[in-house]
């Protein structure tokens, strides 16, 4: 098969360079690269010259319209039999496509996703944020290669689907949680979705805690949107950060009268610290993992609770980019 790699880019030339290097290092290269610059002021087209001799590259520049529309723009122009989606801040291990080819020959699927990990070269904070986003003790492990807590839904930092899926199900919707929404529609259409653990990527996540908070806050809100659009998609694991946040607030309030209750959140944070220390073998990364976990739980939890209150209790309609106030056509 020919794989079309679709990468939306917004002011990230440094990250694109690292992604290009990792693609050039692949042991096999059955792919074309489709880069869509989404109205960037810092463009990356000047980086492509050397790599065009190593694999097929198609570069497009368009006005800024957001990640969903940008991915759809790339899908419409892709030539491959299979469409792959990566974020611009990922790095592929050199065996990615070799293992993907083996996995597809052994057990073909029309849609797949792979986990993400932190490379040894990442900064301590990047490793800490990666731990907060992939650990069983913070997210149930659903972003780190475990599918036991819910039906697996690929994310667009490492996701693939066949042209047949695209022709049948359509493209990304302009909404929060657009990749999970597409995964649900793919599954509802009867296609097989598979987690392929051996085709992981190294994900250089945000290290600015303010931006990280905003990102996970949107993730929390997205879960309520997805439940309203796809009733039954909300699972217990998705509510965990919000419940942990509420429990933490209650325990802190009660600790004025029963100080020993502080031992409970401290024990939980110690669990995160120990888990990170075991995996990263660094006291500094373990400490930063606790900080990142608190930001992750607080950000996701407040976003989830905010959307739950306004969208499910007060019944305020969902907004879209065009200002529409009704759900998109489910058909």
Protein backbone atom coordinates (compact mmCIF):
# COMPACT_ATOMS: atom_id res chain seq x y z
CA UNK A 1 0.00 0.00 0.00
CA UNK A 2 0.92 3.62 -0.43
CA UNK A 3 0.42 5.59 2.78
CA UNK A 4 -0.37 9.29 2.66
CA UNK A 5 0.98 11.06 5.76
CA UNK A 6 -1.13 14.16 6.47
CA UNK A 7 0.37 16.75 8.80
CA UNK A 8 -1.29 20.08 9.62
CA UNK A 9 1.25 22.73 10.62
CA UNK A 10 0.90 26.07 12.36
CA UNK A 11 4.09 28.02 13.11
CA UNK A 12 6.15 24.90 13.92
CA UNK A 13 9.16 24.79 11.52
CA UNK A 14 11.49 23.36 14.20
CA UNK A 15 9.14 20.50 14.95
CA UNK A 16 8.60 19.78 11.25
CA UNK A 17 12.37 19.48 10.80
CA UNK A 18 12.51 16.75 13.48
CA UNK A 19 9.56 14.96 11.91
CA UNK A 20 11.23 15.10 8.49
CA UNK A 21 14.44 13.68 9.91
CA UNK A 22 12.53 10.77 11.45
CA UNK A 23 10.75 10.06 8.15
CA UNK A 24 14.06 10.13 6.27
CA UNK A 25 15.42 7.55 8.72
CA UNK A 26 12.63 5.01 8.09
CA UNK A 27 13.87 1.53 7.15
CA UNK A 28 11.14 1.36 4.48
CA UNK A 29 9.38 4.31 2.84
CA UNK A 30 6.01 3.28 1.35
CA UNK A 31 4.60 6.78 1.82
CA UNK A 32 4.06 10.28 0.56
CA UNK A 33 4.03 13.29 2.86
CA UNK A 34 1.27 15.89 2.63
CA UNK A 35 2.07 19.03 4.64
CA UNK A 36 -0.63 21.68 4.97
CA UNK A 37 0.50 25.03 6.36
CA UNK A 38 -2.54 26.49 8.12
CA UNK A 39 -1.88 30.18 7.65
CA UNK A 40 1.48 30.10 9.45
CA UNK A 41 3.63 33.20 9.75
CA UNK A 42 6.66 30.96 10.34
CA UNK A 43 6.51 28.69 7.31
CA UNK A 44 8.37 25.41 6.90
CA UNK A 45 8.53 25.08 3.09
CA UNK A 46 12.18 26.20 3.04
CA UNK A 47 13.08 23.00 4.93
CA UNK A 48 11.75 20.58 2.34
CA UNK A 49 14.35 20.76 -0.44
CA UNK A 50 16.77 18.10 0.83
CA UNK A 51 13.99 15.66 1.75
CA UNK A 52 12.24 15.76 -1.63
CA UNK A 53 14.96 13.48 -2.99
CA UNK A 54 14.27 10.93 -0.21
CA UNK A 55 10.48 10.64 -0.44
CA UNK A 56 7.51 12.26 -2.17
CA UNK A 57 6.43 15.55 -0.55
CA UNK A 58 3.39 17.69 -1.33
CA UNK A 59 3.27 21.11 0.33
CA UNK A 60 0.21 23.37 0.53
CA UNK A 61 -0.30 26.76 2.10
CA UNK A 62 -3.77 28.07 2.91
CA UNK A 63 -5.50 30.59 5.13
CA UNK A 64 -5.89 29.64 8.77
CA UNK A 65 -9.05 27.60 9.32
CA UNK A 66 -8.25 25.18 12.18
CA UNK A 67 -6.93 21.65 12.47
CA UNK A 68 -10.05 19.76 11.32
CA UNK A 69 -10.47 21.71 8.10
CA UNK A 70 -6.72 21.53 7.51
CA UNK A 71 -6.67 17.73 7.83
CA UNK A 72 -9.70 17.52 5.53
CA UNK A 73 -7.84 19.70 3.01
CA UNK A 74 -4.98 17.21 3.06
CA UNK A 75 -7.27 14.18 2.78
CA UNK A 76 -8.84 15.62 -0.37
CA UNK A 77 -5.40 15.90 -1.99
CA UNK A 78 -3.83 12.64 -0.81
CA UNK A 79 -2.96 9.93 -3.35
CA UNK A 80 -2.45 6.99 -1.01
CA UNK A 81 -4.51 3.89 -0.35
CA UNK A 82 -4.29 4.61 3.37
CA UNK A 83 -4.33 7.96 5.16
CA UNK A 84 -2.11 8.53 8.21
CA UNK A 85 -2.34 11.45 10.60
CA UNK A 86 0.48 12.76 12.77
CA UNK A 87 0.79 15.95 14.76
CA UNK A 88 3.71 18.15 13.76
CA UNK A 89 5.32 17.59 17.17
CA UNK A 90 5.83 13.83 16.84
CA UNK A 91 8.95 11.88 15.96
CA UNK A 92 8.73 8.42 14.43
CA UNK A 93 11.09 5.63 15.46
CA UNK A 94 12.96 4.32 12.38
CA UNK A 95 11.05 1.02 12.34
CA UNK A 96 7.56 2.61 12.33
CA UNK A 97 6.58 1.74 8.75
CA UNK A 98 8.37 -1.59 8.81
CA UNK A 99 6.26 -2.67 11.79
CA UNK A 100 3.11 -1.15 10.33
CA UNK A 101 3.55 -3.13 7.11
CA UNK A 102 4.05 -6.34 9.13
CA UNK A 103 0.98 -5.63 11.25
CA UNK A 104 -1.21 -4.95 8.21
CA UNK A 105 -0.08 -8.11 6.43
CA UNK A 106 -0.78 -10.19 9.54
CA UNK A 107 -4.14 -8.65 10.48
CA UNK A 108 -5.43 -5.94 8.17
CA UNK A 109 -7.76 -3.31 9.58
CA UNK A 110 -9.45 -0.31 8.01
CA UNK A 111 -8.57 1.97 10.91
CA UNK A 112 -5.83 1.85 13.52
CA UNK A 113 -4.14 3.92 16.15
CA UNK A 114 -0.87 3.64 18.00
CA UNK A 115 0.30 4.91 21.39
CA UNK A 116 2.80 7.64 22.15
CA UNK A 117 5.86 7.72 24.35
CA UNK A 118 8.66 10.02 25.48
CA UNK A 119 12.06 9.63 23.87
CA UNK A 120 15.21 9.70 26.00
CA UNK A 121 16.22 12.95 24.29
CA UNK A 122 13.14 14.78 25.58
CA UNK A 123 13.46 17.39 28.31
CA UNK A 124 12.53 16.51 31.88
CA UNK A 125 9.29 18.50 31.62
CA UNK A 126 8.35 16.82 28.33
CA UNK A 127 8.84 13.43 29.96
CA UNK A 128 6.74 14.55 32.92
CA UNK A 129 3.89 15.78 30.72
CA UNK A 130 4.05 12.55 28.72
CA UNK A 131 3.74 10.57 31.93
CA UNK A 132 0.75 12.64 33.04
CA UNK A 133 -1.00 11.98 29.72
CA UNK A 134 -0.25 8.26 29.42
CA UNK A 135 -0.12 6.88 32.97
CA UNK A 136 -2.82 4.52 34.20
CA UNK A 137 -3.05 6.62 37.39
CA UNK A 138 -3.98 9.82 35.55
CA UNK A 139 -5.81 8.87 32.34
CA UNK A 140 -6.51 5.18 32.81
CA UNK A 141 -3.74 4.51 30.29
CA UNK A 142 -6.11 5.06 27.36
CA UNK A 143 -3.59 7.35 25.61
CA UNK A 144 -0.58 5.19 26.37
CA UNK A 145 -1.39 1.94 24.59
CA UNK A 146 -4.00 0.34 26.87
CA UNK A 147 -7.51 -0.34 25.61
CA UNK A 148 -8.96 -2.15 28.61
CA UNK A 149 -10.86 0.82 30.08
CA UNK A 150 -12.93 1.68 27.01
CA UNK A 151 -13.35 0.87 23.34
CA UNK A 152 -10.18 2.10 21.69
CA UNK A 153 -10.47 5.38 19.79
CA UNK A 154 -7.38 6.41 17.80
CA UNK A 155 -6.13 9.99 18.20
CA UNK A 156 -4.73 12.07 15.39
CA UNK A 157 -1.23 12.26 16.85
CA UNK A 158 -0.92 8.67 15.52
CA UNK A 159 -3.91 7.45 13.50
CA UNK A 160 -4.60 5.79 10.16
CA UNK A 161 -7.63 4.93 8.06
CA UNK A 162 -8.22 3.46 4.63
CA UNK A 163 -9.52 5.39 1.66
CA UNK A 164 -12.60 3.14 1.85
CA UNK A 165 -13.31 4.46 5.34
CA UNK A 166 -12.88 8.04 4.15
CA UNK A 167 -15.20 7.50 1.19
CA UNK A 168 -17.82 5.88 3.45
CA UNK A 169 -17.68 7.86 6.69
CA UNK A 170 -16.42 11.24 5.55
CA UNK A 171 -14.00 13.67 7.09
CA UNK A 172 -13.37 15.40 10.42
CA UNK A 173 -16.06 17.62 11.90
CA UNK A 174 -15.18 21.07 13.19
CA UNK A 175 -15.58 20.37 16.90
CA UNK A 176 -13.66 19.57 20.05
CA UNK A 177 -12.79 15.86 20.19
CA UNK A 178 -12.97 15.60 16.40
CA UNK A 179 -10.70 12.54 16.21
CA UNK A 180 -12.75 10.59 18.77
CA UNK A 181 -15.93 11.61 16.96
CA UNK A 182 -14.51 10.23 13.71
CA UNK A 183 -13.43 7.01 15.46
CA UNK A 184 -16.95 6.51 16.81
CA UNK A 185 -18.47 7.08 13.36
CA UNK A 186 -16.00 4.62 11.84
CA UNK A 187 -16.92 1.95 14.39
CA UNK A 188 -20.65 2.61 13.94
CA UNK A 189 -20.22 2.12 10.18
CA UNK A 190 -18.98 -1.43 10.84
CA UNK A 191 -15.26 -0.98 10.21
CA UNK A 192 -12.63 -2.70 12.32
CA UNK A 193 -10.55 -0.44 14.55
CA UNK A 194 -7.33 -1.81 15.98
CA UNK A 195 -4.73 -0.65 18.48
CA UNK A 196 -1.27 -1.53 17.16
CA UNK A 197 1.02 -1.07 20.15
CA UNK A 198 4.26 -1.62 18.25
CA UNK A 199 3.72 1.40 15.94
CA UNK A 200 4.18 4.09 18.57
CA UNK A 201 5.47 7.62 18.13
CA UNK A 202 7.48 9.94 20.35
CA UNK A 203 5.22 12.86 21.18
CA UNK A 204 6.89 16.15 22.16
CA UNK A 205 4.00 17.50 24.19
CA UNK A 206 3.50 21.08 25.35
CA UNK A 207 5.82 22.13 28.15
CA UNK A 208 4.19 25.48 28.92
CA UNK A 209 1.89 24.63 31.85
CA UNK A 210 -0.57 27.38 30.91
CA UNK A 211 -0.97 26.00 27.41
CA UNK A 212 -1.04 22.44 28.73
CA UNK A 213 -3.87 23.41 31.10
CA UNK A 214 -5.82 24.95 28.21
CA UNK A 215 -5.29 21.87 26.06
CA UNK A 216 -6.54 19.38 28.65
CA UNK A 217 -9.37 21.73 29.60
CA UNK A 218 -10.59 21.44 26.02
CA UNK A 219 -10.27 17.64 26.27
CA UNK A 220 -12.57 17.69 29.31
CA UNK A 221 -15.16 19.81 27.53
CA UNK A 222 -14.96 17.59 24.45
CA UNK A 223 -16.13 14.55 26.41
CA UNK A 224 -19.46 16.23 27.12
CA UNK A 225 -19.81 17.30 23.48
CA UNK A 226 -19.15 13.72 22.38
CA UNK A 227 -21.75 12.36 24.81
CA UNK A 228 -24.37 14.75 23.44
CA UNK A 229 -23.56 13.86 19.83
CA UNK A 230 -22.99 10.14 20.48
CA UNK A 231 -25.12 9.12 23.48
CA UNK A 232 -23.48 6.33 25.45
CA UNK A 233 -19.93 7.28 24.50
CA UNK A 234 -19.18 8.69 27.97
CA UNK A 235 -17.57 6.01 30.16
CA UNK A 236 -16.57 5.93 33.80
CA UNK A 237 -12.88 6.41 32.97
CA UNK A 238 -13.71 9.73 31.29
CA UNK A 239 -15.28 11.11 34.47
CA UNK A 240 -12.36 10.11 36.72
CA UNK A 241 -10.35 13.39 36.58
CA UNK A 242 -13.45 15.46 37.36
CA UNK A 243 -14.37 13.16 40.26
CA UNK A 244 -10.79 13.30 41.56
CA UNK A 245 -10.89 17.09 41.40
CA UNK A 246 -14.16 17.25 43.31
CA UNK A 247 -12.90 14.75 45.87
CA UNK A 248 -9.73 16.78 46.33
CA UNK A 249 -11.70 19.96 46.98
CA UNK A 250 -13.93 18.17 49.51
CA UNK A 251 -10.95 16.62 51.31
CA UNK A 252 -9.14 19.97 51.50
CA UNK A 253 -12.24 21.59 52.98
CA UNK A 254 -12.76 18.80 55.50
CA UNK A 255 -9.07 18.80 56.41
CA UNK A 256 -9.67 21.97 58.46
CA UNK A 257 -11.56 19.73 60.87
CA UNK A 258 -9.86 16.40 60.17
CA UNK A 259 -6.22 17.08 59.17
CA UNK A 260 -5.51 13.39 58.68
CA UNK A 261 -7.66 13.47 55.51
CA UNK A 262 -4.74 15.20 53.76
CA UNK A 263 -3.01 11.82 53.80
CA UNK A 264 -5.36 10.60 51.05
CA UNK A 265 -4.39 13.10 48.31
CA UNK A 266 -0.77 12.89 49.45
CA UNK A 267 -0.87 9.10 49.02
CA UNK A 268 -2.27 9.52 45.50
CA UNK A 269 0.46 12.01 44.55
CA UNK A 270 3.06 9.67 46.03
CA UNK A 271 1.67 6.91 43.80
CA UNK A 272 2.16 9.10 40.72
CA UNK A 273 5.65 10.05 41.89
CA UNK A 274 6.61 6.40 42.41
CA UNK A 275 5.17 5.31 39.06
CA UNK A 276 7.10 8.01 37.21
CA UNK A 277 10.28 7.27 39.14
CA UNK A 278 10.03 3.60 38.20
CA UNK A 279 9.49 4.39 34.52
CA UNK A 280 11.80 7.39 34.07
CA UNK A 281 14.45 6.64 36.72
CA UNK A 282 14.76 10.32 37.58
CA UNK A 283 13.80 12.10 40.81
CA UNK A 284 13.39 15.38 38.95
CA UNK A 285 11.09 13.88 36.31
CA UNK A 286 9.11 12.13 39.05
CA UNK A 287 8.60 15.41 40.91
CA UNK A 288 7.64 17.23 37.69
CA UNK A 289 5.25 14.38 36.87
CA UNK A 290 3.33 15.20 40.04
CA UNK A 291 3.09 18.86 38.97
CA UNK A 292 1.98 17.88 35.45
CA UNK A 293 -0.57 15.41 36.84
CA UNK A 294 -2.11 18.11 39.05
CA UNK A 295 -2.37 20.44 36.04
CA UNK A 296 -3.80 17.62 33.91
CA UNK A 297 -6.45 16.60 36.43
CA UNK A 298 -7.37 20.20 37.30
CA UNK A 299 -7.52 21.30 33.66
CA UNK A 300 -9.48 18.32 32.40
CA UNK A 301 -11.72 18.25 35.45
CA UNK A 302 -12.70 21.92 35.28
CA UNK A 303 -13.36 21.65 31.53
CA UNK A 304 -15.50 18.56 32.03
CA UNK A 305 -17.50 20.12 34.88
CA UNK A 306 -17.94 23.41 33.01
CA UNK A 307 -19.32 21.67 29.92
CA UNK A 308 -21.45 19.33 32.05
CA UNK A 309 -23.03 22.31 33.81
CA UNK A 310 -23.65 24.49 30.77
CA UNK A 311 -24.43 21.83 28.15
CA UNK A 312 -26.17 19.08 30.13
CA UNK A 313 -27.71 20.90 33.10
CA UNK A 314 -28.51 24.32 31.61
CA UNK A 315 -29.00 22.76 28.15
CA UNK A 316 -27.10 25.44 26.29
CA UNK A 317 -26.55 24.40 22.65
CA UNK A 318 -23.21 23.39 21.20
CA UNK A 319 -21.38 26.08 19.24
CA UNK A 320 -19.56 25.50 15.97
CA UNK A 321 -17.08 27.65 14.12
CA UNK A 322 -19.82 29.08 11.91
CA UNK A 323 -21.92 30.03 14.95
CA UNK A 324 -24.50 27.30 14.40
CA UNK A 325 -26.45 26.25 17.48
CA UNK A 326 -27.48 22.71 16.63
CA UNK A 327 -25.66 19.39 16.30
CA UNK A 328 -24.25 18.50 12.91
CA UNK A 329 -26.17 16.04 10.75
CA UNK A 330 -25.47 12.62 12.24
CA UNK A 331 -26.11 10.90 8.94
